[in-house]
PDB file of N, CA and C in Angstrom:
ATOM      1  N   UNK A   1      94.891 111.585  59.197  1.00  0.00           N
ATOM      2  CA  UNK A   1      96.068 110.765  59.418  1.00  0.00           C
ATOM      3  C   UNK A   1      95.619 109.373  59.844  1.00  0.00           C
ATOM      4  N   UNK A   2      96.369 108.403  59.417  1.00  0.00           N
ATOM      5  CA  UNK A   2      96.041 107.013  59.747  1.00  0.00           C
ATOM      6  C   UNK A   2      97.103 106.440  60.678  1.00  0.00           C
ATOM      7  N   UNK A   3      96.757 105.381  61.393  1.00  0.00           N
ATOM      8  CA  UNK A   3      97.692 104.746  62.320  1.00  0.00           C
ATOM      9  C   UNK A   3      98.956 104.298  61.602  1.00  0.00           C
ATOM     10  N   UNK A   4      98.817 103.827  60.377  1.00  0.00           N
ATOM     11  CA  UNK A   4      99.980 103.346  59.633  1.00  0.00           C
ATOM     12  C   UNK A   4     100.940 104.481  59.268  1.00  0.00           C
ATOM     13  N   UNK A   5     100.473 105.729  59.354  1.00  0.00           N
ATOM     14  CA  UNK A   5     101.318 106.884  59.049  1.00  0.00           C
ATOM     15  C   UNK A   5     102.223 107.280  60.209  1.00  0.00           C
ATOM     16  N   UNK A   6     101.961 106.742  61.385  1.00  0.00           N
ATOM     17  CA  UNK A   6     102.810 107.038  62.540  1.00  0.00           C
ATOM     18  C   UNK A   6     104.141 106.316  62.387  1.00  0.00           C
ATOM     19  N   UNK A   7     105.209 106.992  62.750  1.00  0.00           N
ATOM     20  CA  UNK A   7     106.511 106.315  62.771  1.00  0.00           C
ATOM     21  C   UNK A   7     106.521 105.344  63.942  1.00  0.00           C
ATOM     22  N   UNK A   8     107.474 104.475  63.968  1.00  0.00           N
ATOM     23  CA  UNK A   8     107.607 103.520  65.075  1.00  0.00           C
ATOM     24  C   UNK A   8     107.784 104.265  66.394  1.00  0.00           C
ATOM     25  N   UNK A   9     108.581 105.308  66.368  1.00  0.00           N
ATOM     26  CA  UNK A   9     108.805 106.106  67.573  1.00  0.00           C
ATOM     27  C   UNK A   9     107.514 106.783  68.026  1.00  0.00           C
ATOM     28  N   UNK A  10     106.774 107.358  67.100  1.00  0.00           N
ATOM     29  CA  UNK A  10     105.514 108.008  67.445  1.00  0.00           C
ATOM     30  C   UNK A  10     104.517 107.005  68.019  1.00  0.00           C
ATOM     31  N   UNK A  11     104.423 105.842  67.390  1.00  0.00           N
ATOM     32  CA  UNK A  11     103.501 104.816  67.882  1.00  0.00           C
ATOM     33  C   UNK A  11     103.871 104.390  69.298  1.00  0.00           C
ATOM     34  N   UNK A  12     105.164 104.239  69.545  1.00  0.00           N
ATOM     35  CA  UNK A  12     105.626 103.837  70.875  1.00  0.00           C
ATOM     36  C   UNK A  12     105.307 104.907  71.912  1.00  0.00           C
ATOM     37  N   UNK A  13     105.547 106.164  71.578  1.00  0.00           N
ATOM     38  CA  UNK A  13     105.255 107.249  72.509  1.00  0.00           C
ATOM     39  C   UNK A  13     103.759 107.372  72.770  1.00  0.00           C
ATOM     40  N   UNK A  14     102.949 107.177  71.738  1.00  0.00           N
ATOM     41  CA  UNK A  14     101.498 107.192  71.905  1.00  0.00           C
ATOM     42  C   UNK A  14     101.060 106.057  72.825  1.00  0.00           C
ATOM     43  N   UNK A  15     101.612 104.878  72.608  1.00  0.00           N
ATOM     44  CA  UNK A  15     101.281 103.723  73.442  1.00  0.00           C
ATOM     45  C   UNK A  15     101.692 103.910  74.890  1.00  0.00           C
ATOM     46  N   UNK A  16     102.869 104.491  75.102  1.00  0.00           N
ATOM     47  CA  UNK A  16     103.322 104.741  76.476  1.00  0.00           C
ATOM     48  C   UNK A  16     102.425 105.754  77.179  1.00  0.00           C
ATOM     49  N   UNK A  17     102.007 106.772  76.446  1.00  0.00           N
ATOM     50  CA  UNK A  17     101.107 107.761  77.037  1.00  0.00           C
ATOM     51  C   UNK A  17      99.771 107.113  77.390  1.00  0.00           C
ATOM     52  N   UNK A  18      99.252 106.278  76.494  1.00  0.00           N
ATOM     53  CA  UNK A  18      97.984 105.586  76.753  1.00  0.00           C
ATOM     54  C   UNK A  18      98.111 104.658  77.957  1.00  0.00           C
ATOM     55  N   UNK A  19      99.218 103.964  78.059  1.00  0.00           N
ATOM     56  CA  UNK A  19      99.449 103.075  79.207  1.00  0.00           C
ATOM     57  C   UNK A  19      99.513 103.873  80.505  1.00  0.00           C
ATOM     58  N   UNK A  20     100.132 105.046  80.445  1.00  0.00           N
ATOM     59  CA  UNK A  20     100.214 105.899  81.641  1.00  0.00           C
ATOM     60  C   UNK A  20      98.821 106.340  82.080  1.00  0.00           C
ATOM     61  N   UNK A  21      97.962 106.648  81.119  1.00  0.00           N
ATOM     62  CA  UNK A  21      96.584 107.028  81.462  1.00  0.00           C
ATOM     63  C   UNK A  21      95.879 105.855  82.134  1.00  0.00           C
ATOM     64  N   UNK A  22      96.012 104.657  81.572  1.00  0.00           N
ATOM     65  CA  UNK A  22      95.357 103.492  82.180  1.00  0.00           C
ATOM     66  C   UNK A  22      95.915 103.238  83.578  1.00  0.00           C
ATOM     67  N   UNK A  23      97.217 103.388  83.747  1.00  0.00           N
ATOM     68  CA  UNK A  23      97.807 103.215  85.074  1.00  0.00           C
ATOM     69  C   UNK A  23      97.187 104.193  86.076  1.00  0.00           C
ATOM     70  N   UNK A  24      96.863 105.366  85.602  1.00  0.00           N
ATOM     71  CA  UNK A  24      96.300 106.400  86.467  1.00  0.00           C
ATOM     72  C   UNK A  24      94.824 106.146  86.782  1.00  0.00           C
ATOM     73  N   UNK A  25      94.044 105.711  85.803  1.00  0.00           N
ATOM     74  CA  UNK A  25      92.592 105.584  86.005  1.00  0.00           C
ATOM     75  C   UNK A  25      92.113 104.151  86.193  1.00  0.00           C
ATOM     76  N   UNK A  26      92.937 103.178  85.890  1.00  0.00           N
ATOM     77  CA  UNK A  26      92.497 101.787  85.875  1.00  0.00           C
ATOM     78  C   UNK A  26      91.947 101.280  87.195  1.00  0.00           C
ATOM     79  N   UNK A  27      92.677 101.517  88.274  1.00  0.00           N
ATOM     80  CA  UNK A  27      92.237 101.005  89.573  1.00  0.00           C
ATOM     81  C   UNK A  27      90.901 101.629  89.980  1.00  0.00           C
ATOM     82  N   UNK A  28      90.755 102.933  89.765  1.00  0.00           N
ATOM     83  CA  UNK A  28      89.490 103.591  90.111  1.00  0.00           C
ATOM     84  C   UNK A  28      88.342 103.040  89.272  1.00  0.00           C
ATOM     85  N   UNK A  29      88.613 102.801  88.011  1.00  0.00           N
ATOM     86  CA  UNK A  29      87.584 102.269  87.111  1.00  0.00           C
ATOM     87  C   UNK A  29      87.129 100.885  87.563  1.00  0.00           C
ATOM     88  N   UNK A  30      88.084 100.029  87.874  1.00  0.00           N
ATOM     89  CA  UNK A  30      87.749  98.668  88.311  1.00  0.00           C
ATOM     90  C   UNK A  30      87.038  98.690  89.675  1.00  0.00           C
ATOM     91  N   UNK A  31      87.467  99.609  90.534  1.00  0.00           N
ATOM     92  CA  UNK A  31      86.826  99.741  91.843  1.00  0.00           C
ATOM     93  C   UNK A  31      85.365 100.176  91.689  1.00  0.00           C
ATOM     94  N   UNK A  32      85.104 101.057  90.738  1.00  0.00           N
ATOM     95  CA  UNK A  32      83.714 101.487  90.483  1.00  0.00           C
ATOM     96  C   UNK A  32      82.848 100.306  90.050  1.00  0.00           C
ATOM     97  N   UNK A  33      83.420  99.439  89.239  1.00  0.00           N
ATOM     98  CA  UNK A  33      82.671  98.241  88.840  1.00  0.00           C
ATOM     99  C   UNK A  33      82.332  97.400  90.064  1.00  0.00           C
ATOM    100  N   UNK A  34      83.319  97.213  90.929  1.00  0.00           N
ATOM    101  CA  UNK A  34      83.081  96.426  92.144  1.00  0.00           C
ATOM    102  C   UNK A  34      82.008  97.064  93.017  1.00  0.00           C
ATOM    103  N   UNK A  35      82.062  98.365  93.162  1.00  0.00           N
ATOM    104  CA  UNK A  35      81.082  99.055  93.993  1.00  0.00           C
ATOM    105  C   UNK A  35      79.682  98.962  93.412  1.00  0.00           C
ATOM    106  N   UNK A  36      79.593  98.747  92.121  1.00  0.00           N
ATOM    107  CA  UNK A  36      78.300  98.552  91.473  1.00  0.00           C
ATOM    108  C   UNK A  36      77.912  97.085  91.397  1.00  0.00           C
ATOM    109  N   UNK A  37      78.581  96.264  92.194  1.00  0.00           N
ATOM    110  CA  UNK A  37      78.332  94.822  92.257  1.00  0.00           C
ATOM    111  C   UNK A  37      78.564  94.127  90.916  1.00  0.00           C
ATOM    112  N   UNK A  38      79.511  94.655  90.144  1.00  0.00           N
ATOM    113  CA  UNK A  38      79.903  94.022  88.890  1.00  0.00           C
ATOM    114  C   UNK A  38      81.300  93.438  89.053  1.00  0.00           C
ATOM    115  N   UNK A  39      81.596  92.479  88.222  1.00  0.00           N
ATOM    116  CA  UNK A  39      82.934  91.899  88.228  1.00  0.00           C
ATOM    117  C   UNK A  39      83.932  92.947  87.739  1.00  0.00           C
ATOM    118  N   UNK A  40      85.055  93.122  88.456  1.00  0.00           N
ATOM    119  CA  UNK A  40      86.037  94.123  88.052  1.00  0.00           C
ATOM    120  C   UNK A  40      86.873  93.626  86.870  1.00  0.00           C
ATOM    121  N   UNK A  41      86.227  93.553  85.739  1.00  0.00           N
ATOM    122  CA  UNK A  41      86.847  93.020  84.530  1.00  0.00           C
ATOM    123  C   UNK A  41      86.328  93.814  83.343  1.00  0.00           C
ATOM    124  N   UNK A  42      87.256  94.288  82.521  1.00  0.00           N
ATOM    125  CA  UNK A  42      86.873  95.096  81.359  1.00  0.00           C
ATOM    126  C   UNK A  42      87.520  94.547  80.098  1.00  0.00           C
ATOM    127  N   UNK A  43      86.787  94.505  78.995  1.00  0.00           N
ATOM    128  CA  UNK A  43      87.398  94.098  77.741  1.00  0.00           C
ATOM    129  C   UNK A  43      88.349  95.199  77.239  1.00  0.00           C
ATOM    130  N   UNK A  44      89.317  94.810  76.462  1.00  0.00           N
ATOM    131  CA  UNK A  44      90.310  95.738  75.913  1.00  0.00           C
ATOM    132  C   UNK A  44      89.646  96.947  75.252  1.00  0.00           C
ATOM    133  N   UNK A  45      88.584  96.721  74.503  1.00  0.00           N
ATOM    134  CA  UNK A  45      87.925  97.831  73.802  1.00  0.00           C
ATOM    135  C   UNK A  45      87.422  98.891  74.776  1.00  0.00           C
ATOM    136  N   UNK A  46      86.934  98.480  75.940  1.00  0.00           N
ATOM    137  CA  UNK A  46      86.458  99.435  76.935  1.00  0.00           C
ATOM    138  C   UNK A  46      87.623 100.173  77.591  1.00  0.00           C
ATOM    139  N   UNK A  47      88.706  99.456  77.806  1.00  0.00           N
ATOM    140  CA  UNK A  47      89.898 100.090  78.390  1.00  0.00           C
ATOM    141  C   UNK A  47      90.393 101.188  77.460  1.00  0.00           C
ATOM    142  N   UNK A  48      90.515 100.883  76.184  1.00  0.00           N
ATOM    143  CA  UNK A  48      90.981 101.887  75.222  1.00  0.00           C
ATOM    144  C   UNK A  48      90.014 103.059  75.170  1.00  0.00           C
ATOM    145  N   UNK A  49      88.732 102.772  75.195  1.00  0.00           N
ATOM    146  CA  UNK A  49      87.745 103.845  75.185  1.00  0.00           C
ATOM    147  C   UNK A  49      87.908 104.744  76.403  1.00  0.00           C
ATOM    148  N   UNK A  50      88.115 104.156  77.569  1.00  0.00           N
ATOM    149  CA  UNK A  50      88.305 104.938  78.788  1.00  0.00           C
ATOM    150  C   UNK A  50      89.565 105.800  78.699  1.00  0.00           C
ATOM    151  N   UNK A  51      90.603 105.263  78.130  1.00  0.00           N
ATOM    152  CA  UNK A  51      91.867 105.997  78.007  1.00  0.00           C
ATOM    153  C   UNK A  51      91.707 107.219  77.097  1.00  0.00           C
ATOM    154  N   UNK A  52      90.982 107.060  76.011  1.00  0.00           N
ATOM    155  CA  UNK A  52      90.809 108.135  75.039  1.00  0.00           C
ATOM    156  C   UNK A  52      89.721 109.113  75.475  1.00  0.00           C
ATOM    157  N   UNK A  53      88.725 108.607  76.191  1.00  0.00           N
ATOM    158  CA  UNK A  53      87.548 109.381  76.556  1.00  0.00           C
ATOM    159  C   UNK A  53      87.883 110.636  77.363  1.00  0.00           C
ATOM    160  N   UNK A  54      87.081 111.651  77.165  1.00  0.00           N
ATOM    161  CA  UNK A  54      87.125 112.897  77.939  1.00  0.00           C
ATOM    162  C   UNK A  54      88.480 113.594  77.868  1.00  0.00           C
ATOM    163  N   UNK A  55      89.219 113.365  76.805  1.00  0.00           N
ATOM    164  CA  UNK A  55      90.471 114.071  76.609  1.00  0.00           C
ATOM    165  C   UNK A  55      91.620 113.599  77.477  1.00  0.00           C
ATOM    166  N   UNK A  56      91.459 112.453  78.109  1.00  0.00           N
ATOM    167  CA  UNK A  56      92.518 111.969  79.008  1.00  0.00           C
ATOM    168  C   UNK A  56      93.835 111.752  78.274  1.00  0.00           C
ATOM    169  N   UNK A  57      93.782 111.094  77.132  1.00  0.00           N
ATOM    170  CA  UNK A  57      95.005 110.827  76.390  1.00  0.00           C
ATOM    171  C   UNK A  57      95.605 112.129  75.859  1.00  0.00           C
ATOM    172  N   UNK A  58      94.758 113.015  75.389  1.00  0.00           N
ATOM    173  CA  UNK A  58      95.254 114.310  74.894  1.00  0.00           C
ATOM    174  C   UNK A  58      95.976 115.069  76.008  1.00  0.00           C
ATOM    175  N   UNK A  59      95.406 115.087  77.194  1.00  0.00           N
ATOM    176  CA  UNK A  59      96.050 115.772  78.322  1.00  0.00           C
ATOM    177  C   UNK A  59      97.401 115.141  78.650  1.00  0.00           C
ATOM    178  N   UNK A  60      97.463 113.838  78.592  1.00  0.00           N
ATOM    179  CA  UNK A  60      98.734 113.150  78.859  1.00  0.00           C
ATOM    180  C   UNK A  60      99.778 113.530  77.814  1.00  0.00           C
ATOM    181  N   UNK A  61      99.371 113.609  76.554  1.00  0.00           N
ATOM    182  CA  UNK A  61     100.310 113.998  75.498  1.00  0.00           C
ATOM    183  C   UNK A  61     100.767 115.442  75.674  1.00  0.00           C
ATOM    184  N   UNK A  62      99.892 116.292  76.130  1.00  0.00           N
ATOM    185  CA  UNK A  62     100.240 117.703  76.327  1.00  0.00           C
ATOM    186  C   UNK A  62     101.266 117.894  77.441  1.00  0.00           C
ATOM    187  N   UNK A  63     101.315 116.976  78.383  1.00  0.00           N
ATOM    188  CA  UNK A  63     102.247 117.097  79.512  1.00  0.00           C
ATOM    189  C   UNK A  63     103.712 117.064  79.067  1.00  0.00           C
ATOM    190  N   UNK A  64     103.986 116.383  77.976  1.00  0.00           N
ATOM    191  CA  UNK A  64     105.368 116.231  77.510  1.00  0.00           C
ATOM    192  C   UNK A  64     105.510 116.889  76.140  1.00  0.00           C
ATOM    193  N   UNK A  65     106.282 117.976  76.057  1.00  0.00           N
ATOM    194  CA  UNK A  65     106.450 118.661  74.772  1.00  0.00           C
ATOM    195  C   UNK A  65     106.947 117.750  73.649  1.00  0.00           C
ATOM    196  N   UNK A  66     107.658 116.685  73.987  1.00  0.00           N
ATOM    197  CA  UNK A  66     108.151 115.755  72.964  1.00  0.00           C
ATOM    198  C   UNK A  66     107.001 114.991  72.304  1.00  0.00           C
ATOM    199  N   UNK A  67     105.830 115.005  72.921  1.00  0.00           N
ATOM    200  CA  UNK A  67     104.681 114.282  72.375  1.00  0.00           C
ATOM    201  C   UNK A  67     103.689 115.188  71.656  1.00  0.00           C
ATOM    202  N   UNK A  68     103.980 116.458  71.578  1.00  0.00           N
ATOM    203  CA  UNK A  68     103.051 117.389  70.941  1.00  0.00           C
ATOM    204  C   UNK A  68     102.833 117.070  69.466  1.00  0.00           C
ATOM    205  N   UNK A  69     103.799 116.400  68.835  1.00  0.00           N
ATOM    206  CA  UNK A  69     103.627 116.032  67.419  1.00  0.00           C
ATOM    207  C   UNK A  69     102.551 114.970  67.234  1.00  0.00           C
ATOM    208  N   UNK A  70     102.100 114.345  68.326  1.00  0.00           N
ATOM    209  CA  UNK A  70     101.066 113.319  68.251  1.00  0.00           C
ATOM    210  C   UNK A  70      99.654 113.903  68.365  1.00  0.00           C
ATOM    211  N   UNK A  71      99.567 115.136  68.797  1.00  0.00           N
ATOM    212  CA  UNK A  71      98.252 115.755  68.989  1.00  0.00           C
ATOM    213  C   UNK A  71      97.442 115.860  67.690  1.00  0.00           C
ATOM    214  N   UNK A  72      98.044 116.221  66.564  1.00  0.00           N
ATOM    215  CA  UNK A  72      97.242 116.254  65.328  1.00  0.00           C
ATOM    216  C   UNK A  72      96.638 114.893  64.976  1.00  0.00           C
ATOM    217  N   UNK A  73      97.379 113.819  65.200  1.00  0.00           N
ATOM    218  CA  UNK A  73      96.830 112.481  64.944  1.00  0.00           C
ATOM    219  C   UNK A  73      95.619 112.245  65.833  1.00  0.00           C
ATOM    220  N   UNK A  74      95.769 112.512  67.111  1.00  0.00           N
ATOM    221  CA  UNK A  74      94.687 112.251  68.058  1.00  0.00           C
ATOM    222  C   UNK A  74      93.461 113.106  67.760  1.00  0.00           C
ATOM    223  N   UNK A  75      93.674 114.313  67.316  1.00  0.00           N
ATOM    224  CA  UNK A  75      92.564 115.237  67.070  1.00  0.00           C
ATOM    225  C   UNK A  75      91.861 115.011  65.736  1.00  0.00           C
ATOM    226  N   UNK A  76      92.554 114.437  64.762  1.00  0.00           N
ATOM    227  CA  UNK A  76      91.959 114.316  63.426  1.00  0.00           C
ATOM    228  C   UNK A  76      91.678 112.886  62.986  1.00  0.00           C
ATOM    229  N   UNK A  77      92.301 111.926  63.620  1.00  0.00           N
ATOM    230  CA  UNK A  77      92.122 110.532  63.197  1.00  0.00           C
ATOM    231  C   UNK A  77      90.733 110.029  63.556  1.00  0.00           C
ATOM    232  N   UNK A  78      90.228 109.174  62.730  1.00  0.00           N
ATOM    233  CA  UNK A  78      88.988 108.467  63.007  1.00  0.00           C
ATOM    234  C   UNK A  78      89.213 107.608  64.262  1.00  0.00           C
ATOM    235  N   UNK A  79      88.170 107.440  65.063  1.00  0.00           N
ATOM    236  CA  UNK A  79      88.302 106.660  66.300  1.00  0.00           C
ATOM    237  C   UNK A  79      88.853 105.261  66.033  1.00  0.00           C
ATOM    238  N   UNK A  80      88.438 104.643  64.939  1.00  0.00           N
ATOM    239  CA  UNK A  80      88.936 103.305  64.600  1.00  0.00           C
ATOM    240  C   UNK A  80      90.442 103.314  64.387  1.00  0.00           C
ATOM    241  N   UNK A  81      90.968 104.401  63.834  1.00  0.00           N
ATOM    242  CA  UNK A  81      92.407 104.521  63.623  1.00  0.00           C
ATOM    243  C   UNK A  81      93.148 104.677  64.950  1.00  0.00           C
ATOM    244  N   UNK A  82      92.543 105.394  65.864  1.00  0.00           N
ATOM    245  CA  UNK A  82      93.152 105.552  67.184  1.00  0.00           C
ATOM    246  C   UNK A  82      93.202 104.196  67.889  1.00  0.00           C
ATOM    247  N   UNK A  83      92.109 103.455  67.818  1.00  0.00           N
ATOM    248  CA  UNK A  83      92.072 102.115  68.424  1.00  0.00           C
ATOM    249  C   UNK A  83      93.124 101.221  67.782  1.00  0.00           C
ATOM    250  N   UNK A  84      93.229 101.281  66.475  1.00  0.00           N
ATOM    251  CA  UNK A  84      94.222 100.475  65.758  1.00  0.00           C
ATOM    252  C   UNK A  84      95.637 100.801  66.236  1.00  0.00           C
ATOM    253  N   UNK A  85      95.904 102.079  66.481  1.00  0.00           N
ATOM    254  CA  UNK A  85      97.231 102.494  66.950  1.00  0.00           C
ATOM    255  C   UNK A  85      97.495 102.050  68.385  1.00  0.00           C
ATOM    256  N   UNK A  86      96.453 102.000  69.212  1.00  0.00           N
ATOM    257  CA  UNK A  86      96.632 101.677  70.627  1.00  0.00           C
ATOM    258  C   UNK A  86      96.542 100.196  70.951  1.00  0.00           C
ATOM    259  N   UNK A  87      95.868  99.450  70.128  1.00  0.00           N
ATOM    260  CA  UNK A  87      95.633  98.026  70.420  1.00  0.00           C
ATOM    261  C   UNK A  87      96.914  97.246  70.731  1.00  0.00           C
ATOM    262  N   UNK A  88      98.017  97.454  70.004  1.00  0.00           N
ATOM    263  CA  UNK A  88      99.236  96.700  70.342  1.00  0.00           C
ATOM    264  C   UNK A  88      99.766  96.984  71.752  1.00  0.00           C
ATOM    265  N   UNK A  89      99.388  98.107  72.326  1.00  0.00           N
ATOM    266  CA  UNK A  89      99.887  98.473  73.642  1.00  0.00           C
ATOM    267  C   UNK A  89      98.969  97.999  74.769  1.00  0.00           C
ATOM    268  N   UNK A  90      97.861  97.405  74.390  1.00  0.00           N
ATOM    269  CA  UNK A  90      96.939  96.772  75.331  1.00  0.00           C
ATOM    270  C   UNK A  90      96.722  95.339  74.838  1.00  0.00           C
ATOM    271  N   UNK A  91      97.699  94.469  75.099  1.00  0.00           N
ATOM    272  CA  UNK A  91      97.708  93.143  74.475  1.00  0.00           C
ATOM    273  C   UNK A  91      96.717  92.130  75.025  1.00  0.00           C
ATOM    274  N   UNK A  92      96.128  92.390  76.170  1.00  0.00           N
ATOM    275  CA  UNK A  92      95.247  91.400  76.780  1.00  0.00           C
ATOM    276  C   UNK A  92      93.799  91.617  76.348  1.00  0.00           C
ATOM    277  N   UNK A  93      93.059  90.547  76.241  1.00  0.00           N
ATOM    278  CA  UNK A  93      91.647  90.629  75.848  1.00  0.00           C
ATOM    279  C   UNK A  93      90.806  91.268  76.936  1.00  0.00           C
ATOM    280  N   UNK A  94      91.190  91.063  78.197  1.00  0.00           N
ATOM    281  CA  UNK A  94      90.460  91.638  79.318  1.00  0.00           C
ATOM    282  C   UNK A  94      91.448  92.185  80.353  1.00  0.00           C
ATOM    283  N   UNK A  95      90.969  93.161  81.103  1.00  0.00           N
ATOM    284  CA  UNK A  95      91.781  93.783  82.155  1.00  0.00           C
ATOM    285  C   UNK A  95      90.972  93.793  83.438  1.00  0.00           C
ATOM    286  N   UNK A  96      91.619  93.459  84.521  1.00  0.00           N
ATOM    287  CA  UNK A  96      90.943  93.434  85.808  1.00  0.00           C
ATOM    288  C   UNK A  96      91.888  92.940  86.888  1.00  0.00           C
ATOM    289  N   UNK A  97      91.278  92.578  88.014  1.00  0.00           N
ATOM    290  CA  UNK A  97      92.055  91.951  89.092  1.00  0.00           C
ATOM    291  C   UNK A  97      91.301  90.850  89.736  1.00  0.00           C
TER     292      UNK A  97
END
């Protein structure tokens, strides 16, 4: 499945789930950078990778039965397609505080 095959509603629900994951892990991620004496700033590509990594996005989709139709896309799509689907929901080039 490709990102362009998602309906507008599916894309929106996928984006909201991804945003919820970032809301949950973002502060901890940025804090880890600070604790490692790095600037708490991440490029969009790293944020998306963190959201998708380790099944975080899949778990978020599983929480809501209305999003179960998105699981086949997440499980079978090429990583580039997943990034393409999520990029509009992470509009900034960098994320940090």
